[in-house]
C-alpha atoms as a PDB file:
ATOM      1  CA  MET A   1     -37.868  22.912 -30.551  1.00  0.00           C
ATOM      2  CA  GLU A   2     -35.931  20.374 -28.558  1.00  0.00           C
ATOM      3  CA  GLU A   3     -32.648  18.876 -29.718  1.00  0.00           C
ATOM      4  CA  GLY A   4     -32.836  15.092 -29.915  1.00  0.00           C
ATOM      5  CA  VAL A   5     -36.613  15.162 -30.246  1.00  0.00           C
ATOM      6  CA  ASP A   6     -37.384  17.626 -33.031  1.00  0.00           C
ATOM      7  CA  TYR A   7     -33.950  17.749 -34.654  1.00  0.00           C
ATOM      8  CA  TYR A   8     -30.357  16.619 -34.392  1.00  0.00           C
ATOM      9  CA  LEU A   9     -27.060  17.878 -35.759  1.00  0.00           C
ATOM     10  CA  ASN A  10     -25.440  15.614 -38.330  1.00  0.00           C
ATOM     11  CA  GLU A  11     -21.715  14.976 -38.704  1.00  0.00           C
ATOM     12  CA  ASP A  12     -21.382  18.155 -40.794  1.00  0.00           C
ATOM     13  CA  GLY A  13     -23.095  20.254 -38.114  1.00  0.00           C
ATOM     14  CA  LEU A  14     -26.291  20.669 -40.112  1.00  0.00           C
ATOM     15  CA  MET A  15     -29.708  20.579 -38.444  1.00  0.00           C
ATOM     16  CA  VAL A  16     -31.795  17.571 -39.520  1.00  0.00           C
ATOM     17  CA  PHE A  17     -35.487  17.531 -38.605  1.00  0.00           C
ATOM     18  CA  THR A  18     -36.941  14.303 -37.228  1.00  0.00           C
ATOM     19  CA  ALA A  19     -40.195  12.619 -38.230  1.00  0.00           C
ATOM     20  CA  ALA A  20     -41.630  13.778 -34.891  1.00  0.00           C
ATOM     21  CA  TYR A  21     -40.974  17.401 -35.854  1.00  0.00           C
ATOM     22  CA  HIS A  22     -42.604  16.950 -39.249  1.00  0.00           C
ATOM     23  CA  LEU A  23     -45.676  15.367 -37.675  1.00  0.00           C
ATOM     24  CA  LYS A  24     -45.943  18.252 -35.192  1.00  0.00           C
ATOM     25  CA  ARG A  25     -45.733  20.682 -38.113  1.00  0.00           C
ATOM     26  CA  GLY A  26     -48.620  18.823 -39.697  1.00  0.00           C
ATOM     27  CA  TYR A  27     -47.905  18.941 -43.427  1.00  0.00           C
ATOM     28  CA  CYS A  28     -45.396  17.857 -46.045  1.00  0.00           C
ATOM     29  CA  CYS A  29     -43.175  20.602 -47.479  1.00  0.00           C
ATOM     30  CA  LYS A  30     -42.308  18.411 -50.515  1.00  0.00           C
ATOM     31  CA  ASN A  31     -38.550  18.944 -50.102  1.00  0.00           C
ATOM     32  CA  LYS A  32     -37.716  15.214 -49.844  1.00  0.00           C
ATOM     33  CA  CYS A  33     -36.684  15.507 -46.203  1.00  0.00           C
ATOM     34  CA  LYS A  34     -34.613  12.648 -44.829  1.00  0.00           C
ATOM     35  CA  HIS A  35     -37.168  11.707 -42.148  1.00  0.00           C
ATOM     36  CA  CYS A  36     -40.386  12.596 -43.972  1.00  0.00           C
ATOM     37  CA  PRO A  37     -43.245  10.654 -42.351  1.00  0.00           C
ATOM     38  CA  TRP A  38     -45.224  10.993 -45.597  1.00  0.00           C
ATOM     39  CA  ASN A  39     -42.386   9.380 -47.629  1.00  0.00           C
ATOM     40  CA  PHE A  40     -42.412  12.169 -50.179  1.00  0.00           C
ATOM     41  CA  GLY A  41     -39.825  11.489 -52.882  1.00  0.00           C
ATOM     42  CA  LYS A  42     -39.025   7.990 -51.674  1.00  0.00           C
ATOM     43  CA  ASP A  43     -39.643   5.040 -53.981  1.00  0.00           C
ATOM     44  CA  GLY A  44     -38.597   2.241 -51.639  1.00  0.00           C
ATOM     45  CA  GLY A  45     -35.293   1.726 -53.428  1.00  0.00           C
ATOM     46  CA  ARG A  46     -36.951   0.734 -56.678  1.00  0.00           C
ATOM     47  CA  LYS A  47     -35.731   2.224 -59.891  1.00  0.00           C
ATOM     48  CA  THR A  48     -38.480   4.013 -61.689  1.00  0.00           C
ATOM     49  CA  SER A  49     -38.667   4.570 -65.381  1.00  0.00           C
ATOM     50  CA  LYS A  50     -40.991   6.727 -67.310  1.00  0.00           C
ATOM     51  CA  ILE A  51     -42.445   5.339 -70.482  1.00  0.00           C
ATOM     52  CA  GLN A  52     -42.019   7.798 -73.270  1.00  0.00           C
ATOM     53  CA  THR A  53     -44.310   7.604 -76.228  1.00  0.00           C
ATOM     54  CA  LYS A  54     -43.662   9.020 -79.630  1.00  0.00           C
ATOM     55  CA  PRO A  55     -46.336  11.227 -81.110  1.00  0.00           C
ATOM     56  CA  ASN A  56     -48.218   9.698 -84.003  1.00  0.00           C
ATOM     57  CA  SER A  57     -46.881  10.980 -87.282  1.00  0.00           C
ATOM     58  CA  LYS A  58     -48.895  10.814 -90.485  1.00  0.00           C
END
């Protein structure tokens, strides 16, 4: 792994993987990574709501 290509250190000193690293890895880990090239867990800033239905009662 190469710093600046595959990862960088954020202001807190934590390692953040880049989209290039994820693409090299070849699959999505489904952890909502900041630079996920598959956009897992990202909704484009839209608020999502789930429609809840009540069960039919007789």
